[in-house]
Amino acid sequence: MHTITHLYECLLLFDSGKYHSEREKLMQQIHQVLERHGAKIETSRLWDERRLVYPIKKRKKGVYHLIFFRAPGKALPPIREDFRINEDILRFLIVRHHPKMEEALLALGRDEHALAIQAPGLAEEIQSEAEAPSPAVEGA
């Protein structure tokens, strides 16, 4: 029987000092979590570095790392739990996109010159979404 997988976008927020000093180790840990739960990583790269709107875990500057991966919906709860208990991750957001958007999103995710959107209130929106309960659609 073929397992249905979906494309997910994952944005991870790390302390910038830790990210720059231990990037390989951090990303190896993150990739291992994803792969352990049956995810196939499509792309993984630095997205942006910013001063945070307010301190998170006493950190004032953060690095956003973007990962696109494919996984069955049932893999999301254990991935989320592993990310929640990882002390190196300040915040994270995982979003499932409509299949019609996959090609465009993967192209953007693979473009090393694409930067995070500079929009007023975006950081606050991402923060509130990361703290909100996960949408029911992810368990599909």
Protein backbone atom coordinates (compact mmCIF):
# COMPACT_ATOMS: atom_id res chain seq x y z
CA MET A 1 0.00 0.00 0.00
CA HIS A 2 1.29 3.46 -0.97
CA THR A 3 1.49 6.03 1.83
CA ILE A 4 0.18 9.48 0.92
CA THR A 5 2.71 12.22 1.56
CA HIS A 6 2.27 15.98 1.57
CA LEU A 7 4.69 18.85 1.06
CA TYR A 8 5.36 20.80 4.24
CA GLU A 9 7.20 24.06 4.75
CA CYS A 10 9.02 24.34 8.05
CA LEU A 11 10.47 27.59 9.34
CA LEU A 12 12.75 27.19 12.35
CA LEU A 13 14.01 30.04 14.52
CA PHE A 14 17.39 29.61 16.21
CA ASP A 15 19.53 31.88 18.37
CA SER A 16 21.84 33.52 15.84
CA GLY A 17 25.03 32.98 17.88
CA LYS A 18 24.32 29.27 18.36
CA TYR A 19 23.32 28.85 14.71
CA HIS A 20 26.52 30.41 13.40
CA SER A 21 28.78 28.51 15.79
CA GLU A 22 27.04 25.11 15.54
CA ARG A 23 25.13 25.18 12.26
CA GLU A 24 26.21 21.74 11.02
CA LYS A 25 25.37 20.06 14.32
CA LEU A 26 21.98 21.82 14.60
CA MET A 27 20.94 20.99 11.06
CA GLN A 28 22.10 17.39 11.40
CA GLN A 29 19.86 17.04 14.47
CA ILE A 30 16.88 18.61 12.68
CA HIS A 31 17.34 16.47 9.56
CA GLN A 32 17.64 13.33 11.69
CA VAL A 33 14.35 14.13 13.44
CA LEU A 34 12.60 14.56 10.10
CA GLU A 35 14.08 11.42 8.56
CA ARG A 36 13.40 9.34 11.68
CA HIS A 37 9.70 10.12 11.26
CA GLY A 38 9.65 9.23 7.56
CA ALA A 39 10.14 12.67 6.04
CA LYS A 40 12.05 13.24 2.81
CA ILE A 41 13.83 16.60 2.79
CA GLU A 42 13.40 18.52 -0.47
CA THR A 43 15.44 21.59 0.45
CA SER A 44 17.01 23.08 3.58
CA ARG A 45 18.72 26.44 3.82
CA LEU A 46 19.31 29.63 5.74
CA TRP A 47 16.38 31.97 5.13
CA ASP A 48 17.08 35.16 7.08
CA GLU A 49 18.68 36.66 10.17
CA ARG A 50 16.87 39.36 12.12
CA ARG A 51 16.67 41.25 15.35
CA LEU A 52 13.64 39.87 17.16
CA VAL A 53 10.71 42.16 17.93
CA TYR A 54 10.89 41.01 21.55
CA PRO A 55 13.27 38.64 23.35
CA ILE A 56 12.53 34.93 23.06
CA LYS A 57 14.24 32.79 25.69
CA LYS A 58 16.37 35.88 26.46
CA ARG A 59 17.63 36.02 22.85
CA LYS A 60 17.41 39.28 20.90
CA LYS A 61 18.60 38.10 17.48
CA GLY A 62 17.50 35.06 15.53
CA VAL A 63 18.21 33.06 12.41
CA TYR A 64 15.37 31.60 10.36
CA HIS A 65 16.11 28.31 8.62
CA LEU A 66 13.72 27.09 5.92
CA ILE A 67 13.08 23.41 5.17
CA PHE A 68 10.65 21.88 2.70
CA PHE A 69 9.94 18.20 3.27
CA ARG A 70 7.49 15.51 2.25
CA ALA A 71 5.90 13.31 4.88
CA PRO A 72 2.67 11.50 5.68
CA GLY A 73 0.27 13.50 7.85
CA LYS A 74 0.70 11.06 10.74
CA ALA A 75 4.39 12.06 10.97
CA LEU A 76 3.58 15.65 11.99
CA PRO A 77 2.66 15.13 15.68
CA PRO A 78 5.93 13.35 16.57
CA ILE A 79 7.97 15.85 14.52
CA ARG A 80 6.28 18.74 16.32
CA GLU A 81 6.89 17.11 19.70
CA ASP A 82 10.59 16.55 18.94
CA PHE A 83 10.92 20.19 17.84
CA ARG A 84 9.11 21.39 21.00
CA ILE A 85 11.54 19.62 23.32
CA ASN A 86 14.63 20.71 21.38
CA GLU A 87 16.11 23.54 23.46
CA ASP A 88 18.02 24.89 20.47
CA ILE A 89 14.81 25.78 18.60
CA LEU A 90 13.37 29.08 19.78
CA ARG A 91 10.21 28.76 17.66
CA PHE A 92 9.01 26.78 14.65
CA LEU A 93 6.14 26.79 12.21
CA ILE A 94 5.10 23.91 9.95
CA VAL A 95 2.62 24.56 7.14
CA ARG A 96 1.11 22.20 4.58
CA HIS A 97 0.58 23.79 1.19
CA HIS A 98 -1.88 23.05 -1.57
CA PRO A 99 -0.39 20.66 -4.18
CA LYS A 100 -0.83 23.28 -6.92
CA MET A 101 1.65 25.52 -5.08
CA GLU A 102 4.38 22.91 -4.64
CA GLU A 103 6.48 23.66 -7.71
CA ALA A 104 6.57 27.42 -7.10
CA LEU A 105 7.30 27.02 -3.40
CA LEU A 106 10.10 24.53 -3.96
CA ALA A 107 11.66 26.86 -6.54
CA LEU A 108 11.56 29.70 -4.01
CA GLY A 109 12.90 27.44 -1.27
CA ARG A 110 15.84 26.39 -3.42
CA ASP A 111 16.68 29.95 -4.51
CA GLU A 112 19.57 30.97 -2.26
CA HIS A 113 19.04 34.61 -3.21
CA ALA A 114 15.39 34.75 -2.15
CA LEU A 115 14.97 36.57 1.14
CA ALA A 116 12.23 36.56 3.71
CA ILE A 117 9.39 38.95 3.02
CA GLN A 118 9.92 42.36 4.59
CA ALA A 119 6.41 43.15 5.77
CA PRO A 120 5.25 45.10 8.83
CA GLY A 121 3.82 42.74 11.43
CA LEU A 122 5.09 39.56 9.76
CA ALA A 123 7.30 38.58 12.70
CA GLU A 124 4.38 38.98 15.09
CA GLU A 125 2.12 36.94 12.79
CA ILE A 126 4.65 34.11 12.54
CA GLN A 127 5.11 34.20 16.30
CA SER A 128 1.39 33.97 17.05
CA GLU A 129 0.92 31.16 14.52
CA ALA A 130 3.81 29.21 16.05
CA GLU A 131 2.13 29.38 19.45
CA ALA A 132 -1.37 28.56 18.18
CA PRO A 133 -2.72 25.00 18.12
CA SER A 134 -1.95 23.18 14.89
CA PRO A 135 -4.68 23.23 12.23
CA ALA A 136 -6.67 20.05 11.72
CA VAL A 137 -5.73 19.91 8.04
CA GLU A 138 -2.22 18.66 8.85
CA GLY A 139 -3.45 15.33 10.12
CA ALA A 140 -4.93 14.42 6.75
